[in-house]
């Protein structure tokens, strides 16, 4: 497992104040599953994360997703997926914005489990 004690210097103190945990710039191949806006059209698309945190992740996606939409994310067929037991986890879309590859999407996890092959720090020092 990777240790994530390094601070995230890309976003600055303001971003850290809004988040419960630090983002780590790591790219994991993931499968994103959902039902789409009508609730009837299922999709299972692959992409990669741009960063992960203990509470969620960010990824680029070709579909426009809606705020509050529930998704299932899982690592795709890699050694990392085998380490974490090939499990999936429910997430909720908390923000989207247009990007050069379609959409940048931020999601938060809805269960306390962890699909990332990382060991996050338990406590974080307050910023001064």
Protein backbone atom coordinates (compact mmCIF):
# COMPACT_ATOMS: atom_id res chain seq x y z
CA UNK A 1 0.00 0.00 0.00
CA UNK A 2 1.12 3.54 -0.70
CA UNK A 3 1.55 6.03 2.15
CA UNK A 4 -0.21 9.36 1.59
CA UNK A 5 1.35 11.58 4.22
CA UNK A 6 2.70 14.07 1.65
CA UNK A 7 0.70 17.32 1.61
CA UNK A 8 -1.20 18.40 -1.49
CA UNK A 9 0.54 21.58 -2.56
CA UNK A 10 -1.36 22.00 -5.84
CA UNK A 11 -4.59 23.35 -4.40
CA UNK A 12 -3.37 25.49 -1.49
CA UNK A 13 -4.78 25.99 2.01
CA UNK A 14 -8.20 27.23 0.85
CA UNK A 15 -8.99 23.95 -0.89
CA UNK A 16 -7.82 21.90 2.08
CA UNK A 17 -10.18 23.83 4.36
CA UNK A 18 -13.19 22.61 2.37
CA UNK A 19 -12.11 18.97 2.29
CA UNK A 20 -11.98 16.36 5.00
CA UNK A 21 -8.83 14.79 3.57
CA UNK A 22 -5.97 15.72 1.25
CA UNK A 23 -6.00 14.99 -2.45
CA UNK A 24 -3.21 12.84 -3.78
CA UNK A 25 -2.37 13.21 -7.49
CA UNK A 26 -2.59 9.56 -8.56
CA UNK A 27 -3.94 7.99 -11.69
CA UNK A 28 -5.87 4.75 -11.23
CA UNK A 29 -7.79 3.09 -14.05
CA UNK A 30 -11.43 2.90 -12.92
CA UNK A 31 -14.81 1.78 -14.19
CA UNK A 32 -17.65 4.22 -13.57
CA UNK A 33 -21.15 2.72 -13.57
CA UNK A 34 -24.49 4.49 -13.31
CA UNK A 35 -27.96 4.76 -14.73
CA UNK A 36 -27.92 8.17 -16.39
CA UNK A 37 -30.43 11.00 -16.04
CA UNK A 38 -33.50 8.94 -16.92
CA UNK A 39 -32.67 6.20 -14.44
CA UNK A 40 -33.09 3.51 -17.08
CA UNK A 41 -29.99 3.69 -19.31
CA UNK A 42 -27.13 1.86 -17.63
CA UNK A 43 -23.53 2.72 -18.47
CA UNK A 44 -20.19 1.14 -17.57
CA UNK A 45 -17.35 3.34 -18.81
CA UNK A 46 -13.65 3.31 -18.08
CA UNK A 47 -11.51 6.34 -17.29
CA UNK A 48 -8.66 7.28 -14.94
CA UNK A 49 -8.55 9.31 -11.76
CA UNK A 50 -6.66 12.59 -11.72
CA UNK A 51 -6.49 12.56 -7.93
CA UNK A 52 -7.86 10.59 -4.98
CA UNK A 53 -8.53 11.33 -1.34
CA UNK A 54 -9.81 9.38 1.60
CA UNK A 55 -13.28 10.79 0.96
CA UNK A 56 -13.52 10.76 -2.84
CA UNK A 57 -11.77 11.35 -6.13
CA UNK A 58 -11.68 13.39 -9.31
CA UNK A 59 -11.68 12.03 -12.85
CA UNK A 60 -12.18 13.14 -16.44
CA UNK A 61 -15.28 11.75 -18.12
CA UNK A 62 -16.88 11.96 -21.56
CA UNK A 63 -20.47 11.96 -20.21
CA UNK A 64 -22.10 14.88 -18.45
CA UNK A 65 -23.13 13.74 -14.99
CA UNK A 66 -25.63 15.46 -12.70
CA UNK A 67 -24.96 16.81 -9.22
CA UNK A 68 -26.20 14.29 -6.66
CA UNK A 69 -26.09 11.42 -9.16
CA UNK A 70 -25.05 8.12 -7.58
CA UNK A 71 -22.33 6.10 -9.27
CA UNK A 72 -20.41 2.93 -8.61
CA UNK A 73 -16.62 3.08 -9.00
CA UNK A 74 -14.14 0.24 -9.04
CA UNK A 75 -10.52 -0.27 -9.98
CA UNK A 76 -10.10 -1.98 -13.33
CA UNK A 77 -8.25 -5.24 -13.86
CA UNK A 78 -4.90 -4.29 -12.42
CA UNK A 79 -2.70 -5.52 -9.61
CA UNK A 80 -4.21 -2.72 -7.52
CA UNK A 81 -7.72 -4.08 -8.16
CA UNK A 82 -6.61 -7.51 -6.99
CA UNK A 83 -5.03 -6.02 -3.84
CA UNK A 84 -8.33 -4.37 -2.91
CA UNK A 85 -10.44 -7.42 -3.78
CA UNK A 86 -11.91 -6.10 -7.06
CA UNK A 87 -14.64 -4.36 -5.09
CA UNK A 88 -16.75 -1.43 -6.17
CA UNK A 89 -17.99 1.40 -4.01
CA UNK A 90 -20.89 3.87 -4.25
CA UNK A 91 -20.05 7.54 -4.82
CA UNK A 92 -22.07 10.74 -5.30
CA UNK A 93 -21.29 13.48 -7.82
CA UNK A 94 -20.52 16.69 -5.91
CA UNK A 95 -19.25 18.90 -8.76
CA UNK A 96 -18.67 18.91 -12.50
CA UNK A 97 -17.04 21.36 -14.86
CA UNK A 98 -16.29 21.33 -18.58
CA UNK A 99 -12.79 20.19 -19.48
CA UNK A 100 -10.73 19.62 -22.60
CA UNK A 101 -11.71 15.93 -22.51
CA UNK A 102 -15.42 16.37 -21.77
CA UNK A 103 -16.06 16.83 -18.06
CA UNK A 104 -14.00 16.97 -14.90
CA UNK A 105 -16.00 15.27 -12.14
CA UNK A 106 -15.59 15.29 -8.37
CA UNK A 107 -17.24 12.56 -6.32
CA UNK A 108 -17.47 11.69 -2.63
CA UNK A 109 -17.77 8.19 -1.28
CA UNK A 110 -21.02 7.10 0.32
CA UNK A 111 -19.62 4.28 2.46
CA UNK A 112 -16.71 4.19 4.85
CA UNK A 113 -14.78 1.51 2.94
CA UNK A 114 -11.75 2.30 0.79
CA UNK A 115 -11.22 1.00 -2.76
CA UNK A 116 -7.88 2.76 -3.18
CA UNK A 117 -4.69 0.76 -2.51
CA UNK A 118 -3.54 3.52 -0.14
CA UNK A 119 -3.18 4.02 3.56
CA UNK A 120 -4.45 7.49 4.40
CA UNK A 121 -3.26 9.33 7.51
CA UNK A 122 -5.68 9.19 10.42
CA UNK A 123 -5.11 12.76 11.61
CA UNK A 124 -4.17 15.96 9.84
CA UNK A 125 -2.37 18.87 11.44
CA UNK A 126 -4.38 22.09 11.36
CA UNK A 127 -3.18 24.75 8.92
CA UNK A 128 -1.88 27.98 10.40
